[in-house]
C-alpha atoms as a PDB file:
ATOM      1  CA  UNK A   1      30.388 129.933  41.791  1.00  0.00           C
ATOM      2  CA  UNK A   2      30.977 133.105  43.556  1.00  0.00           C
ATOM      3  CA  UNK A   3      30.389 135.530  40.407  1.00  0.00           C
ATOM      4  CA  UNK A   4      28.812 134.923  36.945  1.00  0.00           C
ATOM      5  CA  UNK A   5      29.518 137.304  34.258  1.00  0.00           C
ATOM      6  CA  UNK A   6      27.410 136.774  31.335  1.00  0.00           C
ATOM      7  CA  UNK A   7      28.406 138.810  27.963  1.00  0.00           C
ATOM      8  CA  UNK A   8      30.313 138.336  24.796  1.00  0.00           C
ATOM      9  CA  UNK A   9      33.817 137.201  25.301  1.00  0.00           C
ATOM     10  CA  UNK A  10      37.168 136.386  22.892  1.00  0.00           C
ATOM     11  CA  UNK A  11      37.267 132.511  23.664  1.00  0.00           C
ATOM     12  CA  UNK A  12      38.904 130.007  21.738  1.00  0.00           C
ATOM     13  CA  UNK A  13      39.731 131.524  18.398  1.00  0.00           C
ATOM     14  CA  UNK A  14      36.228 133.702  18.163  1.00  0.00           C
ATOM     15  CA  UNK A  15      33.746 135.795  19.747  1.00  0.00           C
ATOM     16  CA  UNK A  16      31.462 133.773  21.947  1.00  0.00           C
ATOM     17  CA  UNK A  17      28.379 134.511  24.004  1.00  0.00           C
ATOM     18  CA  UNK A  18      29.114 132.850  26.972  1.00  0.00           C
ATOM     19  CA  UNK A  19      29.348 132.779  30.616  1.00  0.00           C
ATOM     20  CA  UNK A  20      32.287 133.663  32.973  1.00  0.00           C
ATOM     21  CA  UNK A  21      32.446 132.134  36.211  1.00  0.00           C
ATOM     22  CA  UNK A  22      34.657 133.316  39.379  1.00  0.00           C
ATOM     23  CA  UNK A  23      35.706 131.533  42.269  1.00  0.00           C
ATOM     24  CA  UNK A  24      37.940 132.675  44.996  1.00  0.00           C
ATOM     25  CA  UNK A  25      38.836 135.813  42.966  1.00  0.00           C
ATOM     26  CA  UNK A  26      39.691 134.042  39.918  1.00  0.00           C
ATOM     27  CA  UNK A  27      38.268 132.766  36.699  1.00  0.00           C
ATOM     28  CA  UNK A  28      37.036 128.845  37.058  1.00  0.00           C
ATOM     29  CA  UNK A  29      34.743 128.084  34.260  1.00  0.00           C
ATOM     30  CA  UNK A  30      33.695 129.436  30.613  1.00  0.00           C
ATOM     31  CA  UNK A  31      30.647 127.677  29.568  1.00  0.00           C
ATOM     32  CA  UNK A  32      27.493 128.668  27.876  1.00  0.00           C
ATOM     33  CA  UNK A  33      25.466 128.322  31.010  1.00  0.00           C
ATOM     34  CA  UNK A  34      26.655 128.654  34.425  1.00  0.00           C
ATOM     35  CA  UNK A  35      25.000 129.894  37.954  1.00  0.00           C
ATOM     36  CA  UNK A  36      26.638 131.612  40.559  1.00  0.00           C
ATOM     37  CA  UNK A  37      25.903 133.444  43.974  1.00  0.00           C
ATOM     38  CA  UNK A  38      26.076 136.450  41.918  1.00  0.00           C
ATOM     39  CA  UNK A  39      24.775 136.664  38.271  1.00  0.00           C
ATOM     40  CA  UNK A  40      25.750 139.782  36.331  1.00  0.00           C
ATOM     41  CA  UNK A  41      24.539 139.877  32.588  1.00  0.00           C
ATOM     42  CA  UNK A  42      26.305 141.837  30.381  1.00  0.00           C
ATOM     43  CA  UNK A  43      23.874 141.229  27.043  1.00  0.00           C
ATOM     44  CA  UNK A  44      25.833 141.465  23.844  1.00  0.00           C
ATOM     45  CA  UNK A  45      28.459 144.063  24.977  1.00  0.00           C
ATOM     46  CA  UNK A  46      32.224 142.827  24.945  1.00  0.00           C
ATOM     47  CA  UNK A  47      33.727 141.461  28.145  1.00  0.00           C
ATOM     48  CA  UNK A  48      37.482 142.143  27.739  1.00  0.00           C
ATOM     49  CA  UNK A  49      40.342 141.005  30.374  1.00  0.00           C
ATOM     50  CA  UNK A  50      41.243 143.987  32.623  1.00  0.00           C
ATOM     51  CA  UNK A  51      45.010 146.063  31.801  1.00  0.00           C
ATOM     52  CA  UNK A  52      48.525 146.040  33.219  1.00  0.00           C
ATOM     53  CA  UNK A  53      50.193 148.789  33.519  1.00  0.00           C
ATOM     54  CA  UNK A  54      53.836 148.604  33.675  1.00  0.00           C
ATOM     55  CA  UNK A  55      54.578 151.999  34.077  1.00  0.00           C
ATOM     56  CA  UNK A  56      52.932 154.612  36.367  1.00  0.00           C
ATOM     57  CA  UNK A  57      54.264 157.734  38.416  1.00  0.00           C
ATOM     58  CA  UNK A  58      51.722 157.996  41.208  1.00  0.00           C
ATOM     59  CA  UNK A  59      54.375 160.543  43.177  1.00  0.00           C
ATOM     60  CA  UNK A  60      53.883 158.773  46.351  1.00  0.00           C
ATOM     61  CA  UNK A  61      55.879 159.336  48.630  1.00  0.00           C
ATOM     62  CA  UNK A  62      57.146 162.978  48.608  1.00  0.00           C
ATOM     63  CA  UNK A  63      54.934 164.657  46.131  1.00  0.00           C
ATOM     64  CA  UNK A  64      51.239 163.504  47.076  1.00  0.00           C
ATOM     65  CA  UNK A  65      49.728 167.007  45.656  1.00  0.00           C
ATOM     66  CA  UNK A  66      49.822 165.362  42.533  1.00  0.00           C
ATOM     67  CA  UNK A  67      48.953 162.268  42.793  1.00  0.00           C
ATOM     68  CA  UNK A  68      49.100 159.270  45.419  1.00  0.00           C
ATOM     69  CA  UNK A  69      48.240 155.763  45.399  1.00  0.00           C
ATOM     70  CA  UNK A  70      45.150 156.050  46.513  1.00  0.00           C
ATOM     71  CA  UNK A  71      43.941 158.322  43.567  1.00  0.00           C
ATOM     72  CA  UNK A  72      46.057 157.311  41.373  1.00  0.00           C
ATOM     73  CA  UNK A  73      45.002 153.610  41.714  1.00  0.00           C
ATOM     74  CA  UNK A  74      41.216 154.628  41.577  1.00  0.00           C
ATOM     75  CA  UNK A  75      41.857 156.299  38.468  1.00  0.00           C
ATOM     76  CA  UNK A  76      43.226 152.707  37.100  1.00  0.00           C
ATOM     77  CA  UNK A  77      40.386 151.079  38.267  1.00  0.00           C
ATOM     78  CA  UNK A  78      38.116 152.928  36.780  1.00  0.00           C
ATOM     79  CA  UNK A  79      39.846 153.203  33.229  1.00  0.00           C
ATOM     80  CA  UNK A  80      40.081 149.117  33.457  1.00  0.00           C
ATOM     81  CA  UNK A  81      43.482 148.825  34.647  1.00  0.00           C
ATOM     82  CA  UNK A  82      43.659 146.265  37.637  1.00  0.00           C
ATOM     83  CA  UNK A  83      47.386 146.133  38.542  1.00  0.00           C
ATOM     84  CA  UNK A  84      50.173 149.069  38.373  1.00  0.00           C
ATOM     85  CA  UNK A  85      53.798 148.805  38.809  1.00  0.00           C
ATOM     86  CA  UNK A  86      55.042 152.252  40.082  1.00  0.00           C
ATOM     87  CA  UNK A  87      58.525 153.833  39.443  1.00  0.00           C
ATOM     88  CA  UNK A  88      61.278 154.901  42.076  1.00  0.00           C
ATOM     89  CA  UNK A  89      61.784 158.431  41.679  1.00  0.00           C
ATOM     90  CA  UNK A  90      59.741 159.135  44.787  1.00  0.00           C
ATOM     91  CA  UNK A  91      61.102 161.381  47.424  1.00  0.00           C
ATOM     92  CA  UNK A  92      62.672 159.572  49.107  1.00  0.00           C
ATOM     93  CA  UNK A  93      63.736 157.746  46.009  1.00  0.00           C
ATOM     94  CA  UNK A  94      62.969 153.968  46.054  1.00  0.00           C
ATOM     95  CA  UNK A  95      66.634 152.937  45.777  1.00  0.00           C
ATOM     96  CA  UNK A  96      67.280 151.783  49.758  1.00  0.00           C
ATOM     97  CA  UNK A  97      65.382 148.544  51.688  1.00  0.00           C
ATOM     98  CA  UNK A  98      63.863 150.957  54.302  1.00  0.00           C
ATOM     99  CA  UNK A  99      62.422 153.078  51.265  1.00  0.00           C
ATOM    100  CA  UNK A 100      61.241 150.206  49.715  1.00  0.00           C
ATOM    101  CA  UNK A 101      59.411 148.778  52.795  1.00  0.00           C
ATOM    102  CA  UNK A 102      57.956 152.043  53.324  1.00  0.00           C
ATOM    103  CA  UNK A 103      56.384 152.447  49.685  1.00  0.00           C
ATOM    104  CA  UNK A 104      54.868 148.795  49.480  1.00  0.00           C
ATOM    105  CA  UNK A 105      53.450 149.189  53.556  1.00  0.00           C
ATOM    106  CA  UNK A 106      51.831 152.455  52.160  1.00  0.00           C
ATOM    107  CA  UNK A 107      50.259 151.118  48.983  1.00  0.00           C
ATOM    108  CA  UNK A 108      49.119 147.930  50.538  1.00  0.00           C
ATOM    109  CA  UNK A 109      47.003 150.119  53.166  1.00  0.00           C
ATOM    110  CA  UNK A 110      45.925 152.732  49.793  1.00  0.00           C
ATOM    111  CA  UNK A 111      45.937 150.986  46.217  1.00  0.00           C
ATOM    112  CA  UNK A 112      42.408 149.846  44.852  1.00  0.00           C
ATOM    113  CA  UNK A 113      44.029 147.783  42.377  1.00  0.00           C
ATOM    114  CA  UNK A 114      47.124 145.358  42.687  1.00  0.00           C
ATOM    115  CA  UNK A 115      50.429 146.850  42.194  1.00  0.00           C
ATOM    116  CA  UNK A 116      54.078 146.537  42.283  1.00  0.00           C
ATOM    117  CA  UNK A 117      57.021 148.382  43.023  1.00  0.00           C
ATOM    118  CA  UNK A 118      60.157 149.286  41.352  1.00  0.00           C
ATOM    119  CA  UNK A 119      63.751 149.771  43.086  1.00  0.00           C
ATOM    120  CA  UNK A 120      66.244 152.264  41.297  1.00  0.00           C
ATOM    121  CA  UNK A 121      69.583 150.994  40.445  1.00  0.00           C
ATOM    122  CA  UNK A 122      72.231 154.054  41.335  1.00  0.00           C
ATOM    123  CA  UNK A 123      76.054 153.706  41.676  1.00  0.00           C
ATOM    124  CA  UNK A 124      75.750 153.946  45.494  1.00  0.00           C
ATOM    125  CA  UNK A 125      73.538 150.924  45.864  1.00  0.00           C
ATOM    126  CA  UNK A 126      74.549 147.959  43.755  1.00  0.00           C
ATOM    127  CA  UNK A 127      75.582 146.126  46.887  1.00  0.00           C
ATOM    128  CA  UNK A 128      71.927 146.206  47.952  1.00  0.00           C
ATOM    129  CA  UNK A 129      70.321 144.801  44.917  1.00  0.00           C
ATOM    130  CA  UNK A 130      70.169 141.000  46.188  1.00  0.00           C
ATOM    131  CA  UNK A 131      68.129 142.188  49.394  1.00  0.00           C
ATOM    132  CA  UNK A 132      65.925 145.153  47.311  1.00  0.00           C
ATOM    133  CA  UNK A 133      65.383 141.928  44.541  1.00  0.00           C
ATOM    134  CA  UNK A 134      63.785 140.004  47.426  1.00  0.00           C
ATOM    135  CA  UNK A 135      61.048 142.914  47.924  1.00  0.00           C
ATOM    136  CA  UNK A 136      60.610 144.821  44.294  1.00  0.00           C
ATOM    137  CA  UNK A 137      59.169 143.195  41.440  1.00  0.00           C
ATOM    138  CA  UNK A 138      61.972 145.098  38.823  1.00  0.00           C
ATOM    139  CA  UNK A 139      64.617 147.665  38.794  1.00  0.00           C
ATOM    140  CA  UNK A 140      65.043 150.515  36.881  1.00  0.00           C
ATOM    141  CA  UNK A 141      68.133 152.208  35.396  1.00  0.00           C
ATOM    142  CA  UNK A 142      67.919 155.729  34.343  1.00  0.00           C
ATOM    143  CA  UNK A 143      70.725 156.757  31.691  1.00  0.00           C
ATOM    144  CA  UNK A 144      69.502 160.427  31.400  1.00  0.00           C
ATOM    145  CA  UNK A 145      68.564 162.732  33.538  1.00  0.00           C
ATOM    146  CA  UNK A 146      64.493 163.265  34.381  1.00  0.00           C
ATOM    147  CA  UNK A 147      62.221 163.774  37.535  1.00  0.00           C
ATOM    148  CA  UNK A 148      64.453 163.581  41.037  1.00  0.00           C
ATOM    149  CA  UNK A 149      67.218 162.303  38.852  1.00  0.00           C
ATOM    150  CA  UNK A 150      68.301 158.811  39.637  1.00  0.00           C
ATOM    151  CA  UNK A 151      71.014 158.706  36.607  1.00  0.00           C
ATOM    152  CA  UNK A 152      73.455 156.021  36.490  1.00  0.00           C
ATOM    153  CA  UNK A 153      76.776 155.479  34.897  1.00  0.00           C
ATOM    154  CA  UNK A 154      76.137 154.674  31.451  1.00  0.00           C
ATOM    155  CA  UNK A 155      79.893 152.603  31.747  1.00  0.00           C
ATOM    156  CA  UNK A 156      78.626 150.313  34.567  1.00  0.00           C
ATOM    157  CA  UNK A 157      75.912 148.935  32.803  1.00  0.00           C
ATOM    158  CA  UNK A 158      76.972 145.305  32.506  1.00  0.00           C
ATOM    159  CA  UNK A 159      77.818 145.514  36.254  1.00  0.00           C
ATOM    160  CA  UNK A 160      74.204 146.651  36.952  1.00  0.00           C
ATOM    161  CA  UNK A 161      72.823 143.519  35.075  1.00  0.00           C
ATOM    162  CA  UNK A 162      75.209 140.629  36.141  1.00  0.00           C
ATOM    163  CA  UNK A 163      74.016 141.582  39.901  1.00  0.00           C
ATOM    164  CA  UNK A 164      70.414 142.108  38.626  1.00  0.00           C
ATOM    165  CA  UNK A 165      70.949 138.620  36.983  1.00  0.00           C
ATOM    166  CA  UNK A 166      71.317 137.160  40.278  1.00  0.00           C
ATOM    167  CA  UNK A 167      68.152 138.309  41.873  1.00  0.00           C
ATOM    168  CA  UNK A 168      66.105 137.167  38.766  1.00  0.00           C
ATOM    169  CA  UNK A 169      64.082 139.997  38.615  1.00  0.00           C
ATOM    170  CA  UNK A 170      63.512 142.293  35.326  1.00  0.00           C
ATOM    171  CA  UNK A 171      65.251 145.180  34.889  1.00  0.00           C
ATOM    172  CA  UNK A 172      64.084 148.180  32.844  1.00  0.00           C
ATOM    173  CA  UNK A 173      65.635 151.332  31.312  1.00  0.00           C
ATOM    174  CA  UNK A 174      64.985 154.740  30.725  1.00  0.00           C
ATOM    175  CA  UNK A 175      67.194 155.138  27.534  1.00  0.00           C
ATOM    176  CA  UNK A 176      68.163 158.989  26.864  1.00  0.00           C
ATOM    177  CA  UNK A 177      71.995 159.669  26.469  1.00  0.00           C
ATOM    178  CA  UNK A 178      72.687 162.324  29.457  1.00  0.00           C
ATOM    179  CA  UNK A 179      75.539 163.800  27.183  1.00  0.00           C
ATOM    180  CA  UNK A 180      73.276 164.159  24.214  1.00  0.00           C
ATOM    181  CA  UNK A 181      70.801 165.767  26.512  1.00  0.00           C
ATOM    182  CA  UNK A 182      73.005 168.504  28.030  1.00  0.00           C
ATOM    183  CA  UNK A 183      74.157 169.179  24.264  1.00  0.00           C
ATOM    184  CA  UNK A 184      70.404 170.119  23.252  1.00  0.00           C
ATOM    185  CA  UNK A 185      69.383 171.800  26.912  1.00  0.00           C
ATOM    186  CA  UNK A 186      68.793 175.684  26.650  1.00  0.00           C
ATOM    187  CA  UNK A 187      68.564 178.097  29.318  1.00  0.00           C
ATOM    188  CA  UNK A 188      65.198 179.098  29.145  1.00  0.00           C
ATOM    189  CA  UNK A 189      62.616 176.477  28.165  1.00  0.00           C
ATOM    190  CA  UNK A 190      59.021 176.146  27.484  1.00  0.00           C
ATOM    191  CA  UNK A 191      56.451 173.546  26.908  1.00  0.00           C
ATOM    192  CA  UNK A 192      56.911 173.755  23.192  1.00  0.00           C
ATOM    193  CA  UNK A 193      60.845 173.431  23.680  1.00  0.00           C
ATOM    194  CA  UNK A 194      60.665 169.928  24.963  1.00  0.00           C
ATOM    195  CA  UNK A 195      60.971 167.934  21.759  1.00  0.00           C
ATOM    196  CA  UNK A 196      63.858 169.911  20.928  1.00  0.00           C
ATOM    197  CA  UNK A 197      65.243 169.684  24.125  1.00  0.00           C
ATOM    198  CA  UNK A 198      64.572 165.568  24.527  1.00  0.00           C
ATOM    199  CA  UNK A 199      65.305 164.615  20.622  1.00  0.00           C
ATOM    200  CA  UNK A 200      64.957 161.275  19.564  1.00  0.00           C
ATOM    201  CA  UNK A 201      68.682 161.111  18.606  1.00  0.00           C
ATOM    202  CA  UNK A 202      69.224 160.925  22.293  1.00  0.00           C
ATOM    203  CA  UNK A 203      67.290 157.991  22.725  1.00  0.00           C
ATOM    204  CA  UNK A 204      68.735 155.956  19.967  1.00  0.00           C
ATOM    205  CA  UNK A 205      72.303 156.425  21.456  1.00  0.00           C
ATOM    206  CA  UNK A 206      71.422 155.330  24.324  1.00  0.00           C
ATOM    207  CA  UNK A 207      69.730 152.395  23.106  1.00  0.00           C
ATOM    208  CA  UNK A 208      72.668 151.245  20.832  1.00  0.00           C
ATOM    209  CA  UNK A 209      74.673 151.966  24.242  1.00  0.00           C
ATOM    210  CA  UNK A 210      72.251 149.150  26.094  1.00  0.00           C
ATOM    211  CA  UNK A 211      72.273 146.687  23.485  1.00  0.00           C
ATOM    212  CA  UNK A 212      76.074 146.325  22.526  1.00  0.00           C
ATOM    213  CA  UNK A 213      76.415 145.818  26.696  1.00  0.00           C
END
């Protein structure tokens, strides 16, 4: 084995003291005793699998004064997250083949963990879904305005889903009804107004629409 990690792990229905053998970056064996090129013994400490975060906003490219793939993925690694999936509302928005390729190429150089990238769906890129699906890990549809709004027409959900279905990639929704948000919007907002500006009823309306379609 390249690496053997020893400690307590949940295995076959119970917590057991065991050795986890890693070869070529993958778990190869779990036994009571194993020897490897490198051994790490955690005693009775609990060994947990790393987490996967399906929803991160690394703001890279375009807003890297907030965070980028390097700082965000490093924080993920320190928090026990080994794989992240980045949202498409960056600058430029990840809605074109060029923007998607540029983000992936940049992330490959910067990221400390495994990553995936979503492509946003807009009213203007439906014809590109098939080719986008060859490189992205999934699609995101925004039904309510948020950061760098990628607002999509809620009356065209079925059209988008049919096209995404051909690509074989999953689709994720930002479920807030835009008309409902506008009704609750105030001229001047404080941080304390956020929940009043975006009440749960706006989510409920949007979720119902998606389910019905």
